[in-house]
């Protein structure tokens, strides 16, 4: 893998983070609208703790799972994981273009510095 390919994969990973965040936030809106409609509002007036669980705890847990899941499995799917130690390379400090990109944890060379001709 060369430097340009690594940067392309990093951009794909970043776009995926936004998608995971949107997917994680959808239940927040869905439950908010469901609680304030005529179907669930009469059922939940006597159960204040259930309303708190429905509107706050469960959607935020889903949001956390969606974002953490993308960080963990998305990096492997996109190819932003060290081949030796398995660390996710979501915030790499890119060296100058003439030097190779290395894993911050184990020092394995991940991307060559020079771009290859296609």
N, C-alpha and C. Protein backbone atom coordinates (compact mmCIF):
# COMPACT_ATOMS: atom_id res chain seq x y z
N UNK A 1 0.85 -1.17 0.00
CA UNK A 1 0.00 0.00 0.00
C UNK A 1 0.90 1.24 0.00
N UNK A 2 0.52 2.20 -0.81
CA UNK A 2 1.30 3.44 -0.84
C UNK A 2 0.58 4.52 -0.03
N UNK A 3 1.20 5.67 0.06
CA UNK A 3 0.69 6.77 0.88
C UNK A 3 -0.67 7.26 0.38
N UNK A 4 -0.83 7.38 -0.93
CA UNK A 4 -2.10 7.86 -1.48
C UNK A 4 -3.24 6.90 -1.17
N UNK A 5 -2.97 5.61 -1.26
CA UNK A 5 -3.98 4.60 -0.93
C UNK A 5 -4.35 4.68 0.55
N UNK A 6 -3.37 4.90 1.40
CA UNK A 6 -3.64 5.02 2.83
C UNK A 6 -4.53 6.23 3.11
N UNK A 7 -4.25 7.35 2.47
CA UNK A 7 -5.05 8.56 2.67
C UNK A 7 -6.46 8.35 2.15
N UNK A 8 -6.62 7.65 1.04
CA UNK A 8 -7.95 7.34 0.51
C UNK A 8 -8.73 6.48 1.49
N UNK A 9 -8.07 5.47 2.06
CA UNK A 9 -8.74 4.61 3.04
C UNK A 9 -9.13 5.39 4.30
N UNK A 10 -8.29 6.32 4.69
CA UNK A 10 -8.60 7.14 5.85
C UNK A 10 -9.83 8.01 5.59
N UNK A 11 -9.96 8.54 4.38
CA UNK A 11 -11.15 9.33 4.03
C UNK A 11 -12.41 8.47 4.04
N UNK A 12 -12.32 7.25 3.53
CA UNK A 12 -13.46 6.34 3.55
C UNK A 12 -13.86 6.03 4.99
N UNK A 13 -12.87 5.83 5.84
CA UNK A 13 -13.14 5.56 7.25
C UNK A 13 -13.83 6.74 7.91
N UNK A 14 -13.40 7.94 7.60
CA UNK A 14 -14.03 9.15 8.17
C UNK A 14 -15.48 9.28 7.71
N UNK A 15 -15.76 9.03 6.43
CA UNK A 15 -17.14 9.08 5.96
C UNK A 15 -17.98 8.02 6.67
N UNK A 16 -17.40 6.86 6.90
CA UNK A 16 -18.11 5.81 7.61
C UNK A 16 -18.44 6.19 9.04
N UNK A 17 -17.57 6.99 9.67
CA UNK A 17 -17.86 7.47 11.02
C UNK A 17 -19.10 8.35 11.04
N UNK A 18 -19.27 9.17 10.01
CA UNK A 18 -20.45 10.03 9.94
C UNK A 18 -21.71 9.20 9.72
N UNK A 19 -21.61 8.17 8.90
CA UNK A 19 -22.76 7.29 8.67
C UNK A 19 -23.12 6.55 9.95
N UNK A 20 -22.12 6.04 10.67
CA UNK A 20 -22.38 5.34 11.93
C UNK A 20 -23.01 6.28 12.95
N UNK A 21 -22.59 7.52 12.98
CA UNK A 21 -23.17 8.51 13.89
C UNK A 21 -24.63 8.78 13.53
N UNK A 22 -24.93 8.88 12.24
CA UNK A 22 -26.31 9.10 11.81
C UNK A 22 -27.18 7.89 12.15
N UNK A 23 -26.68 6.69 11.91
CA UNK A 23 -27.44 5.48 12.23
C UNK A 23 -27.65 5.39 13.75
N UNK A 24 -26.66 5.78 14.50
CA UNK A 24 -26.79 5.75 15.95
C UNK A 24 -27.76 6.79 16.48
N UNK A 25 -27.92 7.90 15.78
CA UNK A 25 -28.80 8.98 16.25
C UNK A 25 -30.25 8.78 15.84
N UNK A 26 -30.53 7.93 14.88
CA UNK A 26 -31.91 7.73 14.43
C UNK A 26 -32.85 7.26 15.55
N UNK A 27 -32.45 6.31 16.41
CA UNK A 27 -33.38 5.93 17.48
C UNK A 27 -33.70 7.06 18.45
N UNK A 28 -32.79 8.01 18.62
CA UNK A 28 -33.10 9.15 19.47
C UNK A 28 -34.30 9.92 18.93
N UNK A 29 -34.30 10.15 17.65
CA UNK A 29 -35.43 10.85 17.04
C UNK A 29 -36.68 9.99 17.02
N UNK A 30 -36.52 8.72 16.70
CA UNK A 30 -37.67 7.82 16.62
C UNK A 30 -38.39 7.68 17.95
N UNK A 31 -37.64 7.48 19.01
CA UNK A 31 -38.27 7.34 20.33
C UNK A 31 -38.86 8.66 20.80
N UNK A 32 -38.21 9.74 20.50
CA UNK A 32 -38.76 11.05 20.88
C UNK A 32 -40.13 11.25 20.24
N UNK A 33 -40.24 10.96 18.94
CA UNK A 33 -41.52 11.14 18.26
C UNK A 33 -42.54 10.11 18.73
N UNK A 34 -42.11 8.88 19.03
CA UNK A 34 -43.05 7.85 19.47
C UNK A 34 -43.63 8.18 20.84
N UNK A 35 -42.82 8.73 21.73
CA UNK A 35 -43.30 9.06 23.07
C UNK A 35 -44.26 10.24 23.04
N UNK A 36 -44.09 11.12 22.08
CA UNK A 36 -44.94 12.30 22.01
C UNK A 36 -46.11 12.14 21.04
N UNK A 37 -46.39 10.93 20.63
CA UNK A 37 -47.55 10.70 19.77
C UNK A 37 -48.68 10.11 20.60
N UNK A 38 -49.82 9.97 19.98
CA UNK A 38 -51.00 9.49 20.70
C UNK A 38 -50.93 8.01 21.03
N UNK A 39 -50.00 7.26 20.41
CA UNK A 39 -49.96 5.82 20.66
C UNK A 39 -49.26 5.47 21.96
N UNK A 40 -48.14 6.07 22.25
CA UNK A 40 -47.39 5.72 23.44
C UNK A 40 -47.58 6.69 24.61
N UNK A 41 -48.00 7.88 24.34
CA UNK A 41 -48.12 8.87 25.41
C UNK A 41 -49.09 8.43 26.52
N UNK A 42 -50.26 7.87 26.21
CA UNK A 42 -51.14 7.43 27.31
C UNK A 42 -50.55 6.29 28.13
N UNK A 43 -49.73 5.44 27.54
CA UNK A 43 -49.16 4.30 28.25
C UNK A 43 -48.03 4.70 29.19
N UNK A 44 -47.34 5.78 28.88
CA UNK A 44 -46.13 6.12 29.61
C UNK A 44 -46.31 7.22 30.66
N UNK A 45 -47.51 7.73 30.83
CA UNK A 45 -47.70 8.82 31.78
C UNK A 45 -47.47 8.37 33.22
N UNK A 46 -47.80 7.14 33.55
CA UNK A 46 -47.63 6.66 34.92
C UNK A 46 -46.25 6.06 35.17
N UNK A 47 -45.48 5.85 34.15
CA UNK A 47 -44.19 5.18 34.27
C UNK A 47 -43.06 6.14 33.88
N UNK A 48 -42.76 7.04 34.77
CA UNK A 48 -41.75 8.06 34.49
C UNK A 48 -40.35 7.46 34.29
N UNK A 49 -40.00 6.43 35.05
CA UNK A 49 -38.68 5.81 34.91
C UNK A 49 -38.55 5.10 33.58
N UNK A 50 -39.62 4.53 33.10
CA UNK A 50 -39.60 3.88 31.79
C UNK A 50 -39.40 4.91 30.69
N UNK A 51 -39.98 6.07 30.86
CA UNK A 51 -39.80 7.14 29.88
C UNK A 51 -38.34 7.57 29.83
N UNK A 52 -37.72 7.69 31.00
CA UNK A 52 -36.31 8.07 31.04
C UNK A 52 -35.46 7.01 30.35
N UNK A 53 -35.76 5.74 30.60
CA UNK A 53 -35.01 4.66 29.94
C UNK A 53 -35.23 4.68 28.44
N UNK A 54 -36.46 4.90 28.02
CA UNK A 54 -36.74 4.91 26.59
C UNK A 54 -36.13 6.10 25.87
N UNK A 55 -36.17 7.26 26.50
CA UNK A 55 -35.74 8.47 25.81
C UNK A 55 -34.27 8.79 25.96
N UNK A 56 -33.61 8.26 26.99
CA UNK A 56 -32.22 8.65 27.22
C UNK A 56 -31.27 7.46 27.17
N UNK A 57 -31.48 6.49 28.02
CA UNK A 57 -30.50 5.42 28.20
C UNK A 57 -30.39 4.53 26.98
N UNK A 58 -31.49 4.00 26.50
CA UNK A 58 -31.43 3.06 25.38
C UNK A 58 -30.91 3.69 24.08
N UNK A 59 -31.39 4.86 23.67
CA UNK A 59 -30.84 5.45 22.44
C UNK A 59 -29.37 5.84 22.56
N UNK A 60 -28.95 6.33 23.72
CA UNK A 60 -27.54 6.69 23.86
C UNK A 60 -26.65 5.45 23.88
N UNK A 61 -27.16 4.35 24.45
CA UNK A 61 -26.41 3.09 24.40
C UNK A 61 -26.28 2.62 22.96
N UNK A 62 -27.35 2.75 22.18
CA UNK A 62 -27.30 2.36 20.77
C UNK A 62 -26.30 3.24 20.00
N UNK A 63 -26.31 4.53 20.29
CA UNK A 63 -25.38 5.44 19.64
C UNK A 63 -23.94 5.07 19.95
N UNK A 64 -23.67 4.78 21.20
CA UNK A 64 -22.32 4.38 21.61
C UNK A 64 -21.90 3.08 20.92
N UNK A 65 -22.80 2.11 20.87
CA UNK A 65 -22.47 0.84 20.20
C UNK A 65 -22.24 1.02 18.70
N UNK A 66 -23.02 1.87 18.06
CA UNK A 66 -22.84 2.09 16.62
C UNK A 66 -21.49 2.74 16.32
N UNK A 67 -21.13 3.74 17.09
CA UNK A 67 -19.87 4.44 16.83
C UNK A 67 -18.67 3.57 17.19
N UNK A 68 -18.72 2.90 18.34
CA UNK A 68 -17.61 2.02 18.73
C UNK A 68 -17.49 0.82 17.80
N UNK A 69 -18.64 0.33 17.34
CA UNK A 69 -18.60 -0.79 16.40
C UNK A 69 -17.93 -0.41 15.09
N UNK A 70 -18.21 0.80 14.60
CA UNK A 70 -17.55 1.24 13.38
C UNK A 70 -16.05 1.42 13.61
N UNK A 71 -15.69 1.99 14.75
CA UNK A 71 -14.26 2.17 15.04
C UNK A 71 -13.54 0.83 15.02
N UNK A 72 -14.16 -0.18 15.57
CA UNK A 72 -13.50 -1.48 15.69
C UNK A 72 -13.55 -2.28 14.39
N UNK A 73 -14.75 -2.45 13.84
CA UNK A 73 -14.89 -3.32 12.68
C UNK A 73 -14.72 -2.58 11.36
N UNK A 74 -15.02 -1.29 11.35
CA UNK A 74 -14.85 -0.49 10.14
C UNK A 74 -13.40 -0.34 9.75
N UNK A 75 -12.54 -0.18 10.75
CA UNK A 75 -11.11 -0.05 10.47
C UNK A 75 -10.57 -1.32 9.84
N UNK A 76 -11.04 -2.46 10.31
CA UNK A 76 -10.61 -3.73 9.72
C UNK A 76 -11.16 -3.87 8.29
N UNK A 77 -12.40 -3.45 8.10
CA UNK A 77 -13.03 -3.58 6.79
C UNK A 77 -12.37 -2.66 5.76
N UNK A 78 -12.03 -1.44 6.16
CA UNK A 78 -11.41 -0.47 5.26
C UNK A 78 -9.93 -0.77 5.06
N UNK A 79 -9.30 -1.39 6.03
CA UNK A 79 -7.88 -1.71 5.94
C UNK A 79 -7.00 -0.74 6.69
N UNK A 80 -7.52 -0.15 7.76
CA UNK A 80 -6.75 0.78 8.58
C UNK A 80 -6.40 0.14 9.92
N UNK A 81 -5.86 -1.04 9.86
CA UNK A 81 -5.45 -1.74 11.06
C UNK A 81 -4.05 -2.28 10.82
N UNK A 82 -3.21 -2.19 11.83
CA UNK A 82 -1.84 -2.68 11.70
C UNK A 82 -1.86 -4.18 11.46
N UNK A 83 -1.03 -4.64 10.54
CA UNK A 83 -1.01 -6.06 10.21
C UNK A 83 -0.32 -6.89 11.30
N UNK A 84 0.50 -6.27 12.11
CA UNK A 84 1.22 -7.01 13.16
C UNK A 84 0.48 -6.98 14.50
N UNK A 85 0.17 -5.80 15.00
CA UNK A 85 -0.40 -5.70 16.35
C UNK A 85 -1.91 -5.50 16.36
N UNK A 86 -2.52 -5.13 15.23
CA UNK A 86 -3.97 -4.97 15.16
C UNK A 86 -4.49 -3.64 15.65
N UNK A 87 -3.62 -2.67 15.91
CA UNK A 87 -4.08 -1.36 16.38
C UNK A 87 -4.78 -0.61 15.26
N UNK A 88 -5.87 0.07 15.61
CA UNK A 88 -6.62 0.88 14.65
C UNK A 88 -5.84 2.16 14.39
N UNK A 89 -5.68 2.50 13.12
CA UNK A 89 -4.90 3.69 12.72
C UNK A 89 -5.85 4.79 12.28
N UNK A 90 -6.69 5.26 13.20
CA UNK A 90 -7.66 6.28 12.84
C UNK A 90 -7.14 7.70 12.97
N UNK A 91 -6.08 7.91 13.71
CA UNK A 91 -5.49 9.24 13.87
C UNK A 91 -3.99 9.19 13.62
N UNK A 92 -3.58 8.86 12.41
CA UNK A 92 -2.14 8.77 12.18
C UNK A 92 -1.52 10.15 12.00
N UNK A 93 -0.32 10.28 12.45
CA UNK A 93 0.46 11.48 12.18
C UNK A 93 1.26 11.17 10.91
N UNK A 94 0.84 11.73 9.81
CA UNK A 94 1.48 11.42 8.53
C UNK A 94 2.88 12.05 8.48
N UNK A 95 3.86 11.24 8.19
CA UNK A 95 5.22 11.77 8.05
C UNK A 95 5.36 12.50 6.72
N UNK A 96 6.50 13.10 6.47
CA UNK A 96 6.72 13.74 5.17
C UNK A 96 6.56 12.73 4.04
N UNK A 97 6.24 13.20 2.83
CA UNK A 97 5.96 12.28 1.73
C UNK A 97 7.10 11.34 1.35
N UNK A 98 8.33 11.66 1.66
CA UNK A 98 9.43 10.79 1.28
C UNK A 98 9.72 9.70 2.31
N UNK A 99 9.04 9.72 3.45
CA UNK A 99 9.26 8.71 4.49
C UNK A 99 8.07 7.75 4.56
N UNK A 100 8.34 6.57 5.08
CA UNK A 100 7.29 5.55 5.19
C UNK A 100 6.42 5.80 6.42
N UNK A 101 5.16 5.41 6.32
CA UNK A 101 4.24 5.50 7.44
C UNK A 101 4.40 4.25 8.30
N UNK A 102 4.56 4.45 9.61
CA UNK A 102 4.77 3.33 10.53
C UNK A 102 3.68 3.29 11.59
N UNK A 103 3.43 2.10 12.10
CA UNK A 103 2.46 1.91 13.19
C UNK A 103 3.03 2.57 14.45
N UNK A 104 2.23 3.38 15.16
CA UNK A 104 2.74 4.03 16.36
C UNK A 104 2.98 3.05 17.51
N UNK A 105 2.35 1.89 17.50
CA UNK A 105 2.50 0.95 18.60
C UNK A 105 3.70 0.03 18.43
N UNK A 106 3.82 -0.58 17.24
CA UNK A 106 4.88 -1.59 17.08
C UNK A 106 5.97 -1.18 16.09
N UNK A 107 5.76 -0.13 15.31
CA UNK A 107 6.77 0.35 14.38
C UNK A 107 6.79 -0.35 13.04
N UNK A 108 5.81 -1.17 12.74
CA UNK A 108 5.75 -1.86 11.46
C UNK A 108 5.50 -0.85 10.34
N UNK A 109 6.19 -1.02 9.22
CA UNK A 109 5.98 -0.14 8.07
C UNK A 109 4.66 -0.47 7.42
N UNK A 110 3.78 0.53 7.31
CA UNK A 110 2.45 0.30 6.78
C UNK A 110 2.27 0.81 5.36
N UNK A 111 2.84 1.94 5.07
CA UNK A 111 2.70 2.52 3.74
C UNK A 111 4.03 3.11 3.33
N UNK A 112 4.37 2.89 2.07
CA UNK A 112 5.61 3.45 1.57
C UNK A 112 5.44 4.95 1.34
N UNK A 113 6.53 5.65 1.36
CA UNK A 113 6.46 7.09 1.21
C UNK A 113 6.21 7.54 -0.21
N UNK A 114 6.80 6.88 -1.17
CA UNK A 114 6.65 7.30 -2.56
C UNK A 114 5.36 6.74 -3.15
N UNK A 115 4.70 7.55 -3.94
CA UNK A 115 3.48 7.08 -4.61
C UNK A 115 3.88 6.22 -5.81
N UNK A 116 3.16 5.16 -6.03
CA UNK A 116 3.46 4.28 -7.15
C UNK A 116 2.69 4.76 -8.37
N UNK A 117 3.26 4.54 -9.54
CA UNK A 117 2.59 4.91 -10.79
C UNK A 117 1.57 3.86 -11.13
N UNK A 118 0.46 4.30 -11.67
CA UNK A 118 -0.60 3.36 -12.05
C UNK A 118 -0.54 3.08 -13.51
